[in-house]
Amino acid sequence: MLVFSCKNENNAQTIEKESKSEMAKTLTEKERIEIVTYYLINERKLDKKDFHEIIFLNDIADGVNVIHYEGKDAFFSFKFSEALKFYNLNKKQK
């Protein structure tokens, strides 16, 4: 007797991406700031004093800009999904 198990990998990845996008859209601004702050402190090893403002970009790439100093143009960017993934993985372990 032969038994075959087939799995459509592309479909599973698409569903996973859609659910992440939906979850990110339902978060409040305060929750998103908490997630990014957690990511910056624990993954990027920054102190709260090292960043002045967190700006969420309304683009398809779910970008986040972090401004280092008030009144300056020093900033860096990353994807919110990167911070959310780190937050979810590490919060579950604690």
N, C-alpha and C. Protein backbone atom coordinates (compact mmCIF):
# COMPACT_ATOMS: atom_id res chain seq x y z
N MET A 1 0.84 -1.17 0.00
CA MET A 1 0.00 0.00 0.00
C MET A 1 0.89 1.24 0.00
N LEU A 2 0.64 2.15 -0.90
CA LEU A 2 1.37 3.40 -0.99
C LEU A 2 0.48 4.55 -0.55
N VAL A 3 1.02 5.40 0.28
CA VAL A 3 0.27 6.57 0.74
C VAL A 3 1.12 7.81 0.43
N PHE A 4 0.50 8.77 -0.23
CA PHE A 4 1.18 10.02 -0.56
C PHE A 4 0.54 11.16 0.20
N SER A 5 1.38 12.00 0.72
CA SER A 5 0.90 13.19 1.41
C SER A 5 1.42 14.40 0.65
N CYS A 6 0.52 15.20 0.14
CA CYS A 6 0.91 16.38 -0.63
C CYS A 6 0.56 17.64 0.16
N LYS A 7 1.45 18.60 0.09
CA LYS A 7 1.22 19.86 0.78
C LYS A 7 1.57 20.99 -0.18
N ASN A 8 0.69 21.92 -0.30
CA ASN A 8 0.92 23.07 -1.16
C ASN A 8 1.64 24.15 -0.34
N GLU A 9 2.96 24.21 -0.45
CA GLU A 9 3.77 25.16 0.32
C GLU A 9 3.42 26.61 -0.01
N ASN A 10 3.20 26.91 -1.28
CA ASN A 10 2.90 28.29 -1.67
C ASN A 10 1.62 28.79 -1.03
N ASN A 11 0.62 27.95 -0.98
CA ASN A 11 -0.66 28.33 -0.38
C ASN A 11 -0.48 28.61 1.11
N ALA A 12 0.28 27.79 1.81
CA ALA A 12 0.49 27.98 3.24
C ALA A 12 1.23 29.29 3.51
N GLN A 13 2.20 29.62 2.68
CA GLN A 13 2.95 30.87 2.87
C GLN A 13 2.06 32.08 2.61
N THR A 14 1.22 31.99 1.60
CA THR A 14 0.31 33.09 1.29
C THR A 14 -0.64 33.34 2.44
N ILE A 15 -1.21 32.29 2.99
CA ILE A 15 -2.14 32.42 4.11
C ILE A 15 -1.42 33.02 5.31
N GLU A 16 -0.20 32.58 5.57
CA GLU A 16 0.57 33.10 6.70
C GLU A 16 0.83 34.60 6.53
N LYS A 17 1.20 35.02 5.33
CA LYS A 17 1.46 36.44 5.07
C LYS A 17 0.20 37.26 5.24
N GLU A 18 -0.93 36.74 4.76
CA GLU A 18 -2.19 37.47 4.88
C GLU A 18 -2.58 37.64 6.34
N SER A 19 -2.43 36.59 7.13
CA SER A 19 -2.82 36.69 8.54
C SER A 19 -1.90 37.63 9.30
N LYS A 20 -0.61 37.69 8.95
CA LYS A 20 0.30 38.64 9.59
C LYS A 20 -0.12 40.07 9.25
N SER A 21 -0.47 40.31 8.00
CA SER A 21 -0.88 41.65 7.59
C SER A 21 -2.15 42.07 8.30
N GLU A 22 -3.11 41.15 8.40
CA GLU A 22 -4.35 41.46 9.08
C GLU A 22 -4.10 41.74 10.55
N MET A 23 -3.22 40.97 11.18
CA MET A 23 -2.93 41.16 12.58
C MET A 23 -2.27 42.52 12.80
N ALA A 24 -1.36 42.90 11.94
CA ALA A 24 -0.67 44.17 12.07
C ALA A 24 -1.65 45.34 11.91
N LYS A 25 -2.63 45.19 11.05
CA LYS A 25 -3.60 46.26 10.83
C LYS A 25 -4.54 46.43 12.02
N THR A 26 -4.78 45.39 12.79
CA THR A 26 -5.72 45.49 13.90
C THR A 26 -5.06 45.99 15.18
N LEU A 27 -3.76 46.14 15.21
CA LEU A 27 -3.07 46.65 16.38
C LEU A 27 -3.28 48.16 16.50
N THR A 28 -3.41 48.63 17.73
CA THR A 28 -3.52 50.07 17.95
C THR A 28 -2.14 50.71 17.81
N GLU A 29 -2.12 52.01 17.70
CA GLU A 29 -0.85 52.74 17.61
C GLU A 29 0.00 52.49 18.85
N LYS A 30 -0.62 52.47 20.01
CA LYS A 30 0.09 52.23 21.26
C LYS A 30 0.74 50.84 21.28
N GLU A 31 0.00 49.83 20.81
CA GLU A 31 0.53 48.46 20.75
C GLU A 31 1.70 48.36 19.77
N ARG A 32 1.57 49.02 18.64
CA ARG A 32 2.64 49.01 17.64
C ARG A 32 3.90 49.67 18.19
N ILE A 33 3.73 50.78 18.91
CA ILE A 33 4.88 51.46 19.52
C ILE A 33 5.53 50.57 20.57
N GLU A 34 4.71 49.87 21.35
CA GLU A 34 5.24 48.95 22.37
C GLU A 34 6.07 47.84 21.72
N ILE A 35 5.57 47.29 20.62
CA ILE A 35 6.27 46.21 19.90
C ILE A 35 7.60 46.72 19.35
N VAL A 36 7.58 47.88 18.72
CA VAL A 36 8.81 48.44 18.14
C VAL A 36 9.81 48.80 19.24
N THR A 37 9.33 49.36 20.34
CA THR A 37 10.21 49.71 21.46
C THR A 37 10.86 48.46 22.02
N TYR A 38 10.07 47.40 22.20
CA TYR A 38 10.61 46.12 22.68
C TYR A 38 11.69 45.61 21.74
N TYR A 39 11.42 45.69 20.45
CA TYR A 39 12.38 45.24 19.43
C TYR A 39 13.67 46.06 19.48
N LEU A 40 13.54 47.38 19.57
CA LEU A 40 14.72 48.25 19.58
C LEU A 40 15.59 48.00 20.81
N ILE A 41 14.96 47.79 21.95
CA ILE A 41 15.71 47.59 23.20
C ILE A 41 16.34 46.21 23.26
N ASN A 42 15.59 45.18 22.88
CA ASN A 42 16.05 43.81 23.06
C ASN A 42 16.81 43.22 21.88
N GLU A 43 16.47 43.62 20.66
CA GLU A 43 17.16 43.08 19.48
C GLU A 43 18.26 44.03 19.00
N ARG A 44 17.94 45.30 18.89
CA ARG A 44 18.91 46.28 18.39
C ARG A 44 19.81 46.83 19.51
N LYS A 45 19.52 46.46 20.75
CA LYS A 45 20.33 46.83 21.92
C LYS A 45 20.46 48.35 22.09
N LEU A 46 19.35 49.06 21.90
CA LEU A 46 19.31 50.50 22.12
C LEU A 46 18.66 50.79 23.47
N ASP A 47 18.97 51.93 24.04
CA ASP A 47 18.27 52.41 25.23
C ASP A 47 17.13 53.30 24.78
N LYS A 48 16.16 53.51 25.67
CA LYS A 48 15.04 54.38 25.30
C LYS A 48 15.52 55.78 24.96
N LYS A 49 16.59 56.22 25.59
CA LYS A 49 17.12 57.57 25.33
C LYS A 49 17.78 57.67 23.95
N ASP A 50 18.05 56.53 23.31
CA ASP A 50 18.73 56.51 22.01
C ASP A 50 17.81 56.81 20.83
N PHE A 51 16.50 56.78 21.06
CA PHE A 51 15.59 57.10 19.96
C PHE A 51 14.53 58.09 20.44
N HIS A 52 14.27 59.06 19.58
CA HIS A 52 13.38 60.16 19.92
C HIS A 52 11.94 59.90 19.47
N GLU A 53 11.79 59.37 18.27
CA GLU A 53 10.44 59.22 17.71
C GLU A 53 10.37 57.99 16.82
N ILE A 54 9.22 57.33 16.86
CA ILE A 54 8.94 56.17 16.00
C ILE A 54 7.85 56.59 15.04
N ILE A 55 8.11 56.45 13.75
CA ILE A 55 7.16 56.84 12.71
C ILE A 55 6.80 55.62 11.89
N PHE A 56 5.50 55.33 11.80
CA PHE A 56 5.02 54.22 10.98
C PHE A 56 4.68 54.76 9.60
N LEU A 57 5.31 54.20 8.59
CA LEU A 57 5.07 54.63 7.21
C LEU A 57 3.84 53.93 6.66
N ASN A 58 3.04 54.65 5.95
CA ASN A 58 1.85 54.06 5.33
C ASN A 58 2.20 53.57 3.94
N ASP A 59 3.07 52.58 3.90
CA ASP A 59 3.47 52.03 2.60
C ASP A 59 3.23 50.52 2.58
N ILE A 60 3.34 49.96 1.43
CA ILE A 60 3.08 48.53 1.25
C ILE A 60 4.15 47.67 1.93
N ALA A 61 5.32 48.25 2.18
CA ALA A 61 6.42 47.49 2.78
C ALA A 61 6.39 47.52 4.31
N ASP A 62 5.36 48.03 4.90
CA ASP A 62 5.14 48.17 6.35
C ASP A 62 6.37 48.72 7.07
N GLY A 63 6.90 49.80 6.53
CA GLY A 63 8.13 50.38 7.06
C GLY A 63 7.94 51.17 8.34
N VAL A 64 9.03 51.24 9.10
CA VAL A 64 9.09 52.01 10.33
C VAL A 64 10.37 52.84 10.28
N ASN A 65 10.25 54.13 10.57
CA ASN A 65 11.42 54.99 10.71
C ASN A 65 11.61 55.28 12.19
N VAL A 66 12.84 55.24 12.64
CA VAL A 66 13.17 55.59 14.02
C VAL A 66 14.13 56.77 13.96
N ILE A 67 13.70 57.89 14.55
CA ILE A 67 14.52 59.10 14.57
C ILE A 67 15.35 59.10 15.85
N HIS A 68 16.65 59.28 15.69
CA HIS A 68 17.56 59.24 16.85
C HIS A 68 17.45 60.47 17.73
N TYR A 69 17.50 61.66 17.15
CA TYR A 69 17.57 62.88 17.94
C TYR A 69 16.50 63.86 17.50
N GLU A 70 15.97 64.61 18.46
CA GLU A 70 14.97 65.62 18.16
C GLU A 70 15.58 66.70 17.27
N GLY A 71 14.86 67.05 16.21
CA GLY A 71 15.31 68.11 15.32
C GLY A 71 16.42 67.72 14.37
N LYS A 72 16.80 66.48 14.33
CA LYS A 72 17.89 66.03 13.45
C LYS A 72 17.32 65.06 12.42
N ASP A 73 18.09 64.82 11.37
CA ASP A 73 17.66 63.90 10.32
C ASP A 73 18.25 62.51 10.49
N ALA A 74 18.91 62.24 11.60
CA ALA A 74 19.52 60.92 11.82
C ALA A 74 18.43 59.90 12.14
N PHE A 75 18.24 58.97 11.23
CA PHE A 75 17.22 57.94 11.44
C PHE A 75 17.63 56.66 10.75
N PHE A 76 16.94 55.57 11.09
CA PHE A 76 17.10 54.32 10.37
C PHE A 76 15.73 53.70 10.19
N SER A 77 15.63 52.77 9.26
CA SER A 77 14.35 52.16 8.92
C SER A 77 14.44 50.64 8.97
N PHE A 78 13.30 50.02 9.17
CA PHE A 78 13.17 48.57 9.10
C PHE A 78 11.69 48.25 8.91
N LYS A 79 11.39 46.98 8.69
CA LYS A 79 10.00 46.56 8.49
C LYS A 79 9.34 46.26 9.83
N PHE A 80 8.10 46.69 9.96
CA PHE A 80 7.36 46.42 11.19
C PHE A 80 7.21 44.91 11.40
N SER A 81 7.04 44.16 10.32
CA SER A 81 6.88 42.71 10.44
C SER A 81 8.10 42.06 11.09
N GLU A 82 9.28 42.65 10.88
CA GLU A 82 10.50 42.15 11.51
C GLU A 82 10.41 42.32 13.03
N ALA A 83 9.96 43.48 13.47
CA ALA A 83 9.80 43.74 14.91
C ALA A 83 8.70 42.87 15.50
N LEU A 84 7.60 42.71 14.76
CA LEU A 84 6.48 41.91 15.24
C LEU A 84 6.88 40.44 15.39
N LYS A 85 7.62 39.93 14.43
CA LYS A 85 8.08 38.54 14.50
C LYS A 85 8.99 38.34 15.71
N PHE A 86 9.94 39.25 15.92
CA PHE A 86 10.84 39.17 17.08
C PHE A 86 10.05 39.24 18.38
N TYR A 87 9.10 40.15 18.44
CA TYR A 87 8.27 40.34 19.64
C TYR A 87 7.48 39.07 19.95
N ASN A 88 6.83 38.51 18.94
CA ASN A 88 6.02 37.30 19.15
C ASN A 88 6.87 36.10 19.57
N LEU A 89 8.01 35.91 18.95
CA LEU A 89 8.88 34.78 19.30
C LEU A 89 9.41 34.90 20.72
N ASN A 90 9.79 36.09 21.12
CA ASN A 90 10.42 36.27 22.42
C ASN A 90 9.42 36.41 23.56
N LYS A 91 8.27 36.97 23.32
CA LYS A 91 7.25 37.10 24.37
C LYS A 91 6.67 35.73 24.73
N LYS A 92 6.58 34.83 23.76
CA LYS A 92 6.04 33.48 24.02
C LYS A 92 7.00 32.66 24.88
N GLN A 93 8.30 32.92 24.76
CA GLN A 93 9.29 32.17 25.51
C GLN A 93 9.33 32.58 26.98
N LYS A 94 8.91 33.78 27.29
CA LYS A 94 8.99 34.28 28.67
C LYS A 94 7.78 33.91 29.48
